[in-house]
Protein backbone atom coordinates (compact mmCIF):
# COMPACT_ATOMS: atom_id res chain seq x y z
CA MET A 1 71.16 -13.06 109.45
CA GLY A 2 68.44 -11.13 111.18
CA PHE A 3 66.31 -14.08 112.28
CA LYS A 4 65.95 -14.19 116.07
CA CYS A 5 66.05 -17.31 118.22
CA TYR A 6 62.61 -18.68 119.10
CA PHE A 7 63.63 -19.30 122.73
CA CYS A 8 65.58 -16.24 123.91
CA GLU A 9 64.38 -13.89 121.16
CA GLU A 10 67.66 -11.94 121.44
CA SER A 11 70.42 -13.69 119.51
CA ASP A 12 70.46 -14.61 115.86
CA ARG A 13 69.64 -18.19 114.89
CA ILE A 14 72.43 -20.54 113.81
CA GLY A 15 71.10 -20.93 110.30
CA TYR A 16 68.09 -20.30 108.14
CA TRP A 17 66.48 -23.65 108.92
CA SER A 18 67.43 -23.62 112.61
CA ASN A 19 65.08 -22.30 115.30
CA TRP A 20 67.63 -21.53 118.05
CA CYS A 21 70.82 -19.60 118.65
CA LEU A 22 73.98 -21.45 119.68
CA GLU A 23 73.42 -21.08 123.45
CA CYS A 24 69.74 -22.09 123.34
CA ALA A 25 70.59 -25.04 121.08
CA ASN A 26 73.08 -26.21 123.72
CA LEU A 27 70.41 -25.86 126.42
CA ARG A 28 68.01 -27.90 124.29
CA ARG A 29 70.62 -30.64 123.84
CA MET A 30 71.19 -30.79 127.61
CA LEU A 31 67.46 -31.06 128.22
CA LEU A 32 67.27 -33.92 125.71
CA LEU A 33 70.27 -35.73 127.24
CA TYR A 34 69.16 -35.36 130.85
CA ASN A 35 65.80 -35.29 132.57
CA PRO A 36 64.26 -31.79 132.13
CA LYS A 37 62.97 -31.87 135.73
CA GLN A 38 66.47 -32.65 136.97
CA CYS A 39 67.91 -29.78 134.90
CA CYS A 40 65.32 -27.36 136.31
CA ASP A 41 66.07 -28.50 139.86
CA ILE A 42 69.79 -27.90 139.34
CA LEU A 43 69.14 -24.44 137.91
CA LYS A 44 66.83 -23.56 140.80
CA ARG A 45 69.41 -24.68 143.37
CA THR A 46 72.26 -22.80 141.75
CA LEU A 47 70.63 -19.66 140.38
CA THR A 48 67.74 -18.94 142.75
CA ARG A 49 68.50 -17.61 146.22
CA ASP A 50 66.27 -17.21 149.26
CA SER A 51 66.40 -14.20 151.62
CA LYS A 52 68.88 -15.87 154.01
CA GLN A 53 71.30 -16.59 151.16
CA ILE A 54 70.89 -13.05 149.80
CA ASP A 55 71.69 -11.53 153.22
CA PHE A 56 74.76 -13.76 153.57
CA LYS A 57 75.98 -12.80 150.10
CA ILE A 58 75.51 -9.08 150.84
CA SER A 59 77.48 -9.37 154.09
CA GLN A 60 80.29 -11.23 152.29
CA GLU A 61 80.48 -8.55 149.59
CA VAL A 62 80.56 -5.78 152.22
CA LYS A 63 83.42 -7.57 153.99
CA LYS A 64 85.33 -7.80 150.70
CA ILE A 65 84.86 -4.09 150.07
CA CYS A 66 85.97 -3.15 153.60
CA LEU A 67 89.04 -5.37 153.42
CA THR A 68 90.13 -3.99 150.07
CA GLU A 69 89.67 -0.35 151.08
CA LEU A 70 91.48 -0.52 154.43
CA PRO A 71 94.97 -1.14 153.02
CA THR A 72 94.59 1.74 150.58
CA ILE A 73 93.67 4.13 153.41
CA LYS A 74 96.63 2.87 155.43
CA GLU A 75 98.94 3.34 152.45
CA GLU A 76 97.72 6.92 152.04
CA ASN A 77 98.52 7.63 155.69
CA GLU A 78 101.97 6.07 155.33
CA SER A 79 102.72 8.07 152.23
CA SER A 80 101.67 11.29 153.97
CA ASP A 81 104.04 10.43 156.85
CA GLU A 82 106.89 9.95 154.40
CA SER A 83 106.31 13.32 152.80
CA TYR A 84 106.49 15.00 156.22
CA GLU A 85 109.89 16.50 156.85
CA LYS A 86 111.05 16.82 160.42
CA PRO A 87 112.10 20.30 161.40
CA THR A 88 115.80 20.84 161.88
CA THR A 89 116.79 21.46 165.46
CA ARG A 90 120.03 22.00 167.30
CA LYS A 91 122.08 18.96 167.91
CA THR A 92 122.26 17.92 171.51
CA LYS A 93 125.57 16.93 172.98
CA LYS A 94 125.79 13.62 174.69
CA PHE A 95 127.05 13.81 178.20
CA LYS A 96 129.79 11.45 179.23
């Protein structure tokens, strides 16, 4: 259509006479159904993080990365051991 949403100014509007895109229209409906202050509080609690939460999230992501990389390193070492061929030596006789 070419007409941009008045709220996000990114997506195209639903129709010629509409002012919002589909996502912004859904947000508007939620704000009309529920208290706008309550909706803003929920968004702040779920989307906004303080420095303590950010540090915790970073540490959790680092742990995930470390745990996923360790098995691959171990597998590489195991595969290199399998490709190693033992040298042939003389057979030793067992003494009775």
